[in-house]
C-alpha atoms as a PDB file:
ATOM      1  CA  MET A   1     -12.944  43.243  17.874  1.00  0.00           C
ATOM      2  CA  SER A   2     -10.246  45.504  16.787  1.00  0.00           C
ATOM      3  CA  THR A   3     -10.448  48.319  14.089  1.00  0.00           C
ATOM      4  CA  ARG A   4      -7.911  45.825  12.547  1.00  0.00           C
ATOM      5  CA  LEU A   5      -9.620  43.157  12.735  1.00  0.00           C
ATOM      6  CA  GLU A   6     -12.553  44.679  11.213  1.00  0.00           C
ATOM      7  CA  VAL A   7     -11.260  45.999   8.278  1.00  0.00           C
ATOM      8  CA  LEU A   8      -9.218  43.232   7.468  1.00  0.00           C
ATOM      9  CA  GLU A   9     -12.441  41.188   7.839  1.00  0.00           C
ATOM     10  CA  ALA A  10     -14.387  43.217   5.307  1.00  0.00           C
ATOM     11  CA  GLU A  11     -11.953  43.298   3.364  1.00  0.00           C
ATOM     12  CA  ALA A  12     -11.950  39.733   3.189  1.00  0.00           C
ATOM     13  CA  LEU A  13     -15.639  39.048   2.674  1.00  0.00           C
ATOM     14  CA  LYS A  14     -15.073  40.966  -0.118  1.00  0.00           C
ATOM     15  CA  LEU A  15     -13.366  38.307  -2.108  1.00  0.00           C
ATOM     16  CA  SER A  16     -14.925  35.439  -4.198  1.00  0.00           C
ATOM     17  CA  PRO A  17     -16.323  32.544  -2.724  1.00  0.00           C
ATOM     18  CA  ALA A  18     -13.395  30.622  -3.862  1.00  0.00           C
ATOM     19  CA  ASP A  19     -11.345  33.153  -2.599  1.00  0.00           C
ATOM     20  CA  ARG A  20     -12.633  33.357   0.376  1.00  0.00           C
ATOM     21  CA  SER A  21     -12.150  29.507   0.643  1.00  0.00           C
ATOM     22  CA  HIS A  22      -8.368  29.646  -0.511  1.00  0.00           C
ATOM     23  CA  LEU A  23      -7.860  32.294   2.369  1.00  0.00           C
ATOM     24  CA  LEU A  24      -9.772  29.829   5.177  1.00  0.00           C
ATOM     25  CA  GLU A  25      -7.787  27.156   4.425  1.00  0.00           C
ATOM     26  CA  ARG A  26      -4.390  29.038   4.492  1.00  0.00           C
ATOM     27  CA  LEU A  27      -5.408  30.350   7.913  1.00  0.00           C
ATOM     28  CA  ILE A  28      -6.945  27.001   9.256  1.00  0.00           C
ATOM     29  CA  ALA A  29      -3.005  25.451   8.597  1.00  0.00           C
ATOM     30  CA  SER A  30      -1.381  28.465   9.582  1.00  0.00           C
ATOM     31  CA  LEU A  31      -3.395  27.049  13.461  1.00  0.00           C
ATOM     32  CA  ASP A  32      -2.204  23.605  13.072  1.00  0.00           C
ATOM     33  CA  ALA A  33       1.249  24.337  12.253  1.00  0.00           C
ATOM     34  CA  ASP A  34       3.093  21.736  13.734  1.00  0.00           C
ATOM     35  CA  PRO A  35       7.161  20.718  12.737  1.00  0.00           C
ATOM     36  CA  GLU A  36       6.788  17.670  14.584  1.00  0.00           C
ATOM     37  CA  ILE A  37       3.494  16.277  12.715  1.00  0.00           C
ATOM     38  CA  ASP A  38       4.164  17.763   9.375  1.00  0.00           C
ATOM     39  CA  SER A  39       7.398  15.487   9.857  1.00  0.00           C
ATOM     40  CA  ALA A  40       5.556  12.580  11.034  1.00  0.00           C
ATOM     41  CA  TRP A  41       3.317  12.833   7.945  1.00  0.00           C
ATOM     42  CA  GLU A  42       5.966  13.169   5.526  1.00  0.00           C
ATOM     43  CA  LEU A  43       7.306  10.059   6.474  1.00  0.00           C
ATOM     44  CA  GLU A  44       4.147   8.207   6.193  1.00  0.00           C
ATOM     45  CA  ALA A  45       3.329   9.201   2.815  1.00  0.00           C
ATOM     46  CA  ASN A  46       6.673   8.247   1.953  1.00  0.00           C
ATOM     47  CA  ARG A  47       6.322   4.604   3.432  1.00  0.00           C
ATOM     48  CA  ARG A  48       2.724   4.259   1.733  1.00  0.00           C
ATOM     49  CA  GLU A  49       4.436   5.124  -1.751  1.00  0.00           C
ATOM     50  CA  ALA A  50       7.107   3.055  -1.347  1.00  0.00           C
ATOM     51  CA  SER A  51       5.145   0.304  -0.546  1.00  0.00           C
ATOM     52  CA  LEU A  52       3.221   0.907  -3.530  1.00  0.00           C
ATOM     53  CA  ASP A  53       5.864   0.893  -5.698  1.00  0.00           C
ATOM     54  CA  SER A  54       7.001  -2.079  -4.329  1.00  0.00           C
ATOM     55  CA  GLY A  55       4.038  -4.156  -5.201  1.00  0.00           C
ATOM     56  CA  GLY A  56       3.716  -4.600  -1.357  1.00  0.00           C
ATOM     57  CA  VAL A  57       0.110  -3.190  -1.657  1.00  0.00           C
ATOM     58  CA  ALA A  58      -2.464  -2.366  -4.434  1.00  0.00           C
ATOM     59  CA  GLU A  59      -4.248   0.680  -5.156  1.00  0.00           C
ATOM     60  CA  VAL A  60      -8.310   0.390  -4.530  1.00  0.00           C
ATOM     61  CA  PRO A  61     -10.104   3.181  -6.143  1.00  0.00           C
ATOM     62  CA  ALA A  62     -12.137   5.448  -3.987  1.00  0.00           C
ATOM     63  CA  GLU A  63     -15.816   4.556  -4.101  1.00  0.00           C
ATOM     64  CA  GLU A  64     -14.293   1.017  -3.576  1.00  0.00           C
ATOM     65  CA  ALA A  65     -12.865   1.883  -0.474  1.00  0.00           C
ATOM     66  CA  MET A  66     -15.953   3.931   0.680  1.00  0.00           C
ATOM     67  CA  ASN A  67     -17.919   0.866  -0.219  1.00  0.00           C
ATOM     68  CA  ARG A  68     -15.664  -1.490   1.672  1.00  0.00           C
ATOM     69  CA  LEU A  69     -15.562   1.063   5.114  1.00  0.00           C
ATOM     70  CA  ARG A  70     -19.574   1.510   4.516  1.00  0.00           C
ATOM     71  CA  SER A  71     -19.963  -2.420   4.547  1.00  0.00           C
ATOM     72  CA  ARG A  72     -17.973  -2.608   8.178  1.00  0.00           C
ATOM     73  CA  LEU A  73     -19.888  -0.232   9.302  1.00  0.00           C
ATOM     74  CA  ALA A  74     -23.240  -1.559   8.480  1.00  0.00           C
ATOM     75  CA  ARG A  75     -21.981  -4.399  10.799  1.00  0.00           C
END
């Protein structure tokens, strides 16, 4: 490990747990950056939002959705 990286790591470890978590999320996101994938997800999110707005689908509370999935997996 380079000295510069060791210094950076030591500084990062001095951060609060919440700040370290935020930094970790940002670092992981920077590794996963792919404009095509981001664009595809944005299109899908817009499609789903339009479907909700038009009444084509109904919202389901998260707890109910998880219960449905658990039920299907238990079969």
